[in-house]
Amino acid sequence: MNQKLKELKKRIELIELRNKKVELDKEWETSNFRKIIIVVVTYIAIGLYMDWMRVDNHWLNAIVPVVGFIFSTMTFNLVKDIWKNKKVEISKMEGLFSRANYKKNFLQ
């Protein structure tokens, strides 16, 4: 019994450690710092590439993909919220039409 308790404690500790890692990864994925780094690196990389390709006004033209990235990250949260709301509505409908609920709600 004592050994099982120790094993359970160890498993819980591992799960908590994993959860902290997942939370930290999620925080990084949604951080403004990460977005700023992507914007800066993208701007420099595209600017250098356009310079190498001899594009006129390459630093000005490099703004276009950066602005596209900024707009896409701004709209992703809106799109994600709409998607999540639709999933919740679908889940509620699926629950309503499950076999047990169907009998309870529609066959009485």
N, C-alpha and C. Protein backbone atom coordinates (compact mmCIF):
# COMPACT_ATOMS: atom_id res chain seq x y z
N MET A 1 0.83 -1.20 0.00
CA MET A 1 0.00 0.00 0.00
C MET A 1 0.86 1.25 0.00
N ASN A 2 1.90 1.27 0.82
CA ASN A 2 2.79 2.42 0.92
C ASN A 2 3.51 2.65 -0.41
N GLN A 3 3.90 1.55 -1.07
CA GLN A 3 4.58 1.65 -2.36
C GLN A 3 3.64 2.24 -3.42
N LYS A 4 2.38 1.83 -3.41
CA LYS A 4 1.41 2.37 -4.36
C LYS A 4 1.21 3.85 -4.15
N LEU A 5 1.17 4.26 -2.89
CA LEU A 5 1.02 5.67 -2.56
C LEU A 5 2.20 6.48 -3.09
N LYS A 6 3.40 5.94 -2.94
CA LYS A 6 4.59 6.62 -3.45
C LYS A 6 4.55 6.72 -4.97
N GLU A 7 4.11 5.65 -5.61
CA GLU A 7 4.01 5.67 -7.08
C GLU A 7 3.00 6.72 -7.53
N LEU A 8 1.86 6.78 -6.84
CA LEU A 8 0.84 7.79 -7.19
C LEU A 8 1.37 9.20 -6.99
N LYS A 9 2.09 9.43 -5.90
CA LYS A 9 2.68 10.75 -5.65
C LYS A 9 3.64 11.12 -6.77
N LYS A 10 4.46 10.15 -7.17
CA LYS A 10 5.43 10.39 -8.24
C LYS A 10 4.73 10.71 -9.55
N ARG A 11 3.66 9.98 -9.85
CA ARG A 11 2.91 10.23 -11.07
C ARG A 11 2.27 11.61 -11.04
N ILE A 12 1.75 11.99 -9.89
CA ILE A 12 1.14 13.32 -9.76
C ILE A 12 2.20 14.41 -9.95
N GLU A 13 3.36 14.21 -9.35
CA GLU A 13 4.45 15.18 -9.51
C GLU A 13 4.85 15.32 -10.98
N LEU A 14 4.93 14.20 -11.69
CA LEU A 14 5.28 14.23 -13.11
C LEU A 14 4.21 14.95 -13.93
N ILE A 15 2.95 14.70 -13.60
CA ILE A 15 1.85 15.37 -14.30
C ILE A 15 1.88 16.87 -14.03
N GLU A 16 2.12 17.27 -12.78
CA GLU A 16 2.20 18.69 -12.45
C GLU A 16 3.38 19.35 -13.15
N LEU A 17 4.50 18.66 -13.25
CA LEU A 17 5.66 19.18 -13.95
C LEU A 17 5.35 19.37 -15.43
N ARG A 18 4.70 18.38 -16.01
CA ARG A 18 4.31 18.46 -17.41
C ARG A 18 3.34 19.61 -17.64
N ASN A 19 2.39 19.78 -16.73
CA ASN A 19 1.42 20.87 -16.85
C ASN A 19 2.10 22.24 -16.81
N LYS A 20 3.10 22.37 -15.94
CA LYS A 20 3.84 23.64 -15.86
C LYS A 20 4.57 23.91 -17.18
N LYS A 21 5.15 22.86 -17.76
CA LYS A 21 5.83 23.02 -19.04
C LYS A 21 4.84 23.43 -20.13
N VAL A 22 3.69 22.80 -20.17
CA VAL A 22 2.66 23.12 -21.16
C VAL A 22 2.18 24.56 -20.98
N GLU A 23 1.97 24.98 -19.72
CA GLU A 23 1.55 26.35 -19.45
C GLU A 23 2.60 27.35 -19.91
N LEU A 24 3.87 27.04 -19.67
CA LEU A 24 4.96 27.92 -20.09
C LEU A 24 5.03 27.99 -21.62
N ASP A 25 4.88 26.84 -22.28
CA ASP A 25 4.87 26.83 -23.75
C ASP A 25 3.71 27.66 -24.29
N LYS A 26 2.55 27.53 -23.69
CA LYS A 26 1.37 28.30 -24.12
C LYS A 26 1.61 29.79 -23.91
N GLU A 27 2.20 30.14 -22.78
CA GLU A 27 2.50 31.54 -22.50
C GLU A 27 3.46 32.11 -23.55
N TRP A 28 4.46 31.32 -23.94
CA TRP A 28 5.40 31.76 -24.97
C TRP A 28 4.68 31.94 -26.30
N GLU A 29 3.84 30.97 -26.66
CA GLU A 29 3.13 31.02 -27.95
C GLU A 29 2.24 32.25 -28.07
N THR A 30 1.71 32.73 -26.97
CA THR A 30 0.78 33.87 -27.01
C THR A 30 1.44 35.18 -26.59
N SER A 31 2.75 35.16 -26.31
CA SER A 31 3.40 36.37 -25.79
C SER A 31 3.62 37.41 -26.88
N ASN A 32 3.52 38.67 -26.49
CA ASN A 32 3.81 39.77 -27.40
C ASN A 32 5.29 39.81 -27.74
N PHE A 33 6.14 39.41 -26.81
CA PHE A 33 7.58 39.38 -27.06
C PHE A 33 7.89 38.48 -28.25
N ARG A 34 7.28 37.30 -28.30
CA ARG A 34 7.49 36.37 -29.41
C ARG A 34 7.03 36.99 -30.72
N LYS A 35 5.87 37.65 -30.69
CA LYS A 35 5.36 38.28 -31.91
C LYS A 35 6.29 39.38 -32.40
N ILE A 36 6.83 40.16 -31.47
CA ILE A 36 7.75 41.24 -31.85
C ILE A 36 9.02 40.65 -32.46
N ILE A 37 9.55 39.59 -31.87
CA ILE A 37 10.74 38.94 -32.42
C ILE A 37 10.47 38.45 -33.84
N ILE A 38 9.31 37.82 -34.06
CA ILE A 38 8.96 37.32 -35.40
C ILE A 38 8.87 38.49 -36.38
N VAL A 39 8.26 39.59 -35.96
CA VAL A 39 8.12 40.76 -36.84
C VAL A 39 9.50 41.29 -37.23
N VAL A 40 10.37 41.46 -36.25
CA VAL A 40 11.71 42.02 -36.51
C VAL A 40 12.52 41.09 -37.41
N VAL A 41 12.54 39.80 -37.08
CA VAL A 41 13.33 38.85 -37.88
C VAL A 41 12.77 38.74 -39.29
N THR A 42 11.44 38.72 -39.42
CA THR A 42 10.82 38.65 -40.74
C THR A 42 11.17 39.88 -41.56
N TYR A 43 11.07 41.06 -40.96
CA TYR A 43 11.39 42.30 -41.67
C TYR A 43 12.84 42.31 -42.16
N ILE A 44 13.76 41.95 -41.29
CA ILE A 44 15.18 41.94 -41.67
C ILE A 44 15.44 40.90 -42.75
N ALA A 45 14.90 39.69 -42.58
CA ALA A 45 15.14 38.61 -43.55
C ALA A 45 14.57 38.98 -44.93
N ILE A 46 13.34 39.47 -44.96
CA ILE A 46 12.72 39.83 -46.24
C ILE A 46 13.45 41.03 -46.86
N GLY A 47 13.82 42.00 -46.02
CA GLY A 47 14.56 43.17 -46.52
C GLY A 47 15.88 42.77 -47.15
N LEU A 48 16.63 41.89 -46.48
CA LEU A 48 17.90 41.43 -47.02
C LEU A 48 17.70 40.62 -48.30
N TYR A 49 16.68 39.77 -48.32
CA TYR A 49 16.39 38.98 -49.52
C TYR A 49 16.03 39.89 -50.69
N MET A 50 15.20 40.89 -50.44
CA MET A 50 14.82 41.81 -51.52
C MET A 50 16.01 42.64 -51.98
N ASP A 51 16.90 42.98 -51.07
CA ASP A 51 18.12 43.69 -51.44
C ASP A 51 18.97 42.81 -52.35
N TRP A 52 19.12 41.55 -51.98
CA TRP A 52 19.89 40.59 -52.77
C TRP A 52 19.26 40.41 -54.17
N MET A 53 17.92 40.48 -54.23
CA MET A 53 17.20 40.35 -55.50
C MET A 53 17.17 41.66 -56.28
N ARG A 54 17.77 42.71 -55.72
CA ARG A 54 17.85 44.03 -56.34
C ARG A 54 16.47 44.68 -56.52
N VAL A 55 15.59 44.49 -55.54
CA VAL A 55 14.27 45.11 -55.55
C VAL A 55 14.42 46.56 -55.10
N ASP A 56 13.81 47.47 -55.84
CA ASP A 56 13.83 48.88 -55.44
C ASP A 56 13.06 49.04 -54.14
N ASN A 57 13.51 49.93 -53.29
CA ASN A 57 12.86 50.21 -52.00
C ASN A 57 12.63 48.93 -51.20
N HIS A 58 13.66 48.10 -51.13
CA HIS A 58 13.49 46.79 -50.50
C HIS A 58 13.09 46.89 -49.03
N TRP A 59 13.59 47.90 -48.30
CA TRP A 59 13.20 48.02 -46.88
C TRP A 59 11.75 48.45 -46.76
N LEU A 60 11.29 49.28 -47.65
CA LEU A 60 9.89 49.68 -47.63
C LEU A 60 8.98 48.50 -48.02
N ASN A 61 9.39 47.77 -49.06
CA ASN A 61 8.59 46.62 -49.51
C ASN A 61 8.59 45.48 -48.50
N ALA A 62 9.61 45.41 -47.66
CA ALA A 62 9.67 44.34 -46.65
C ALA A 62 8.61 44.51 -45.58
N ILE A 63 8.00 45.69 -45.53
CA ILE A 63 6.94 45.93 -44.53
C ILE A 63 5.69 45.11 -44.84
N VAL A 64 5.43 44.82 -46.11
CA VAL A 64 4.19 44.15 -46.51
C VAL A 64 4.00 42.80 -45.79
N PRO A 65 4.97 41.86 -45.84
CA PRO A 65 4.73 40.59 -45.13
C PRO A 65 4.62 40.76 -43.62
N VAL A 66 5.33 41.75 -43.08
CA VAL A 66 5.26 42.00 -41.64
C VAL A 66 3.87 42.47 -41.25
N VAL A 67 3.31 43.39 -42.04
CA VAL A 67 1.95 43.87 -41.76
C VAL A 67 0.95 42.71 -41.90
N GLY A 68 1.17 41.84 -42.89
CA GLY A 68 0.31 40.66 -43.04
C GLY A 68 0.37 39.77 -41.81
N PHE A 69 1.56 39.57 -41.27
CA PHE A 69 1.69 38.77 -40.06
C PHE A 69 0.97 39.42 -38.89
N ILE A 70 1.14 40.72 -38.74
CA ILE A 70 0.49 41.43 -37.63
C ILE A 70 -1.03 41.31 -37.73
N PHE A 71 -1.58 41.54 -38.92
CA PHE A 71 -3.03 41.41 -39.09
C PHE A 71 -3.50 39.98 -38.83
N SER A 72 -2.72 39.00 -39.29
CA SER A 72 -3.15 37.62 -39.09
C SER A 72 -3.16 37.26 -37.61
N THR A 73 -2.17 37.72 -36.84
CA THR A 73 -2.17 37.41 -35.42
C THR A 73 -3.27 38.15 -34.68
N MET A 74 -3.65 39.31 -35.19
CA MET A 74 -4.74 40.06 -34.55
C MET A 74 -6.08 39.36 -34.79
N THR A 75 -6.25 38.78 -35.96
CA THR A 75 -7.53 38.15 -36.28
C THR A 75 -7.61 36.71 -35.80
N PHE A 76 -6.47 36.05 -35.55
CA PHE A 76 -6.50 34.65 -35.10
C PHE A 76 -7.30 34.49 -33.82
N ASN A 77 -7.15 35.40 -32.87
CA ASN A 77 -7.89 35.27 -31.62
C ASN A 77 -9.38 35.40 -31.86
N LEU A 78 -9.78 36.30 -32.74
CA LEU A 78 -11.20 36.45 -33.06
C LEU A 78 -11.73 35.18 -33.73
N VAL A 79 -10.99 34.69 -34.70
CA VAL A 79 -11.40 33.47 -35.41
C VAL A 79 -11.44 32.29 -34.45
N LYS A 80 -10.44 32.19 -33.56
CA LYS A 80 -10.40 31.10 -32.59
C LYS A 80 -11.62 31.15 -31.66
N ASP A 81 -11.98 32.34 -31.19
CA ASP A 81 -13.15 32.48 -30.32
C ASP A 81 -14.43 32.06 -31.04
N ILE A 82 -14.57 32.46 -32.29
CA ILE A 82 -15.75 32.06 -33.07
C ILE A 82 -15.77 30.54 -33.22
N TRP A 83 -14.62 29.95 -33.55
CA TRP A 83 -14.53 28.50 -33.72
C TRP A 83 -14.89 27.78 -32.43
N LYS A 84 -14.36 28.26 -31.29
CA LYS A 84 -14.64 27.62 -30.01
C LYS A 84 -16.12 27.71 -29.67
N ASN A 85 -16.73 28.85 -29.93
CA ASN A 85 -18.17 28.99 -29.65
C ASN A 85 -18.98 28.02 -30.50
N LYS A 86 -18.59 27.85 -31.76
CA LYS A 86 -19.28 26.89 -32.62
C LYS A 86 -19.11 25.47 -32.11
N LYS A 87 -17.90 25.13 -31.64
CA LYS A 87 -17.66 23.79 -31.10
C LYS A 87 -18.52 23.54 -29.87
N VAL A 88 -18.68 24.54 -29.01
CA VAL A 88 -19.51 24.39 -27.81
C VAL A 88 -20.96 24.18 -28.22
N GLU A 89 -21.43 24.95 -29.21
CA GLU A 89 -22.81 24.78 -29.68
C GLU A 89 -23.01 23.38 -30.26
N ILE A 90 -22.05 22.90 -31.03
CA ILE A 90 -22.15 21.57 -31.61
C ILE A 90 -22.14 20.51 -30.52
N SER A 91 -21.29 20.69 -29.51
CA SER A 91 -21.23 19.73 -28.40
C SER A 91 -22.57 19.67 -27.67
N LYS A 92 -23.18 20.83 -27.48
CA LYS A 92 -24.50 20.86 -26.83
C LYS A 92 -25.53 20.14 -27.68
N MET A 93 -25.47 20.34 -29.00
CA MET A 93 -26.42 19.67 -29.88
C MET A 93 -26.18 18.16 -29.88
N GLU A 94 -24.91 17.75 -29.88
CA GLU A 94 -24.61 16.32 -29.84
C GLU A 94 -25.13 15.70 -28.55
N GLY A 95 -24.97 16.43 -27.45
CA GLY A 95 -25.48 15.94 -26.17
C GLY A 95 -26.99 15.82 -26.19
N LEU A 96 -27.65 16.78 -26.83
CA LEU A 96 -29.11 16.78 -26.91
C LEU A 96 -29.60 15.57 -27.70
N PHE A 97 -28.84 15.19 -28.73
CA PHE A 97 -29.28 14.10 -29.59
C PHE A 97 -28.62 12.76 -29.26
N SER A 98 -27.93 12.68 -28.12
CA SER A 98 -27.38 11.39 -27.73
C SER A 98 -28.54 10.43 -27.47
N ARG A 99 -28.25 9.16 -27.48
CA ARG A 99 -29.30 8.14 -27.36
C ARG A 99 -30.13 8.33 -26.09
N ALA A 100 -29.47 8.52 -24.96
CA ALA A 100 -30.19 8.67 -23.69
C ALA A 100 -31.03 9.94 -23.69
N ASN A 101 -30.43 11.04 -24.12
CA ASN A 101 -31.17 12.31 -24.13
C ASN A 101 -32.26 12.33 -25.19
N TYR A 102 -32.04 11.65 -26.30
CA TYR A 102 -33.05 11.60 -27.35
C TYR A 102 -34.32 10.94 -26.81
N LYS A 103 -34.14 9.82 -26.13
CA LYS A 103 -35.30 9.14 -25.55
C LYS A 103 -35.98 10.02 -24.52
N LYS A 104 -35.19 10.67 -23.69
CA LYS A 104 -35.72 11.50 -22.62
C LYS A 104 -36.44 12.75 -23.18
N ASN A 105 -35.85 13.39 -24.18
CA ASN A 105 -36.36 14.67 -24.66
C ASN A 105 -37.42 14.54 -25.75
N PHE A 106 -37.36 13.50 -26.56
CA PHE A 106 -38.22 13.45 -27.74
C PHE A 106 -39.22 12.31 -27.75
N LEU A 107 -39.05 11.31 -26.92
CA LEU A 107 -39.96 10.18 -26.97
C LEU A 107 -40.95 10.16 -25.82
N GLN A 108 -41.08 11.27 -25.13
CA GLN A 108 -42.04 11.30 -24.02
C GLN A 108 -43.30 12.02 -24.44
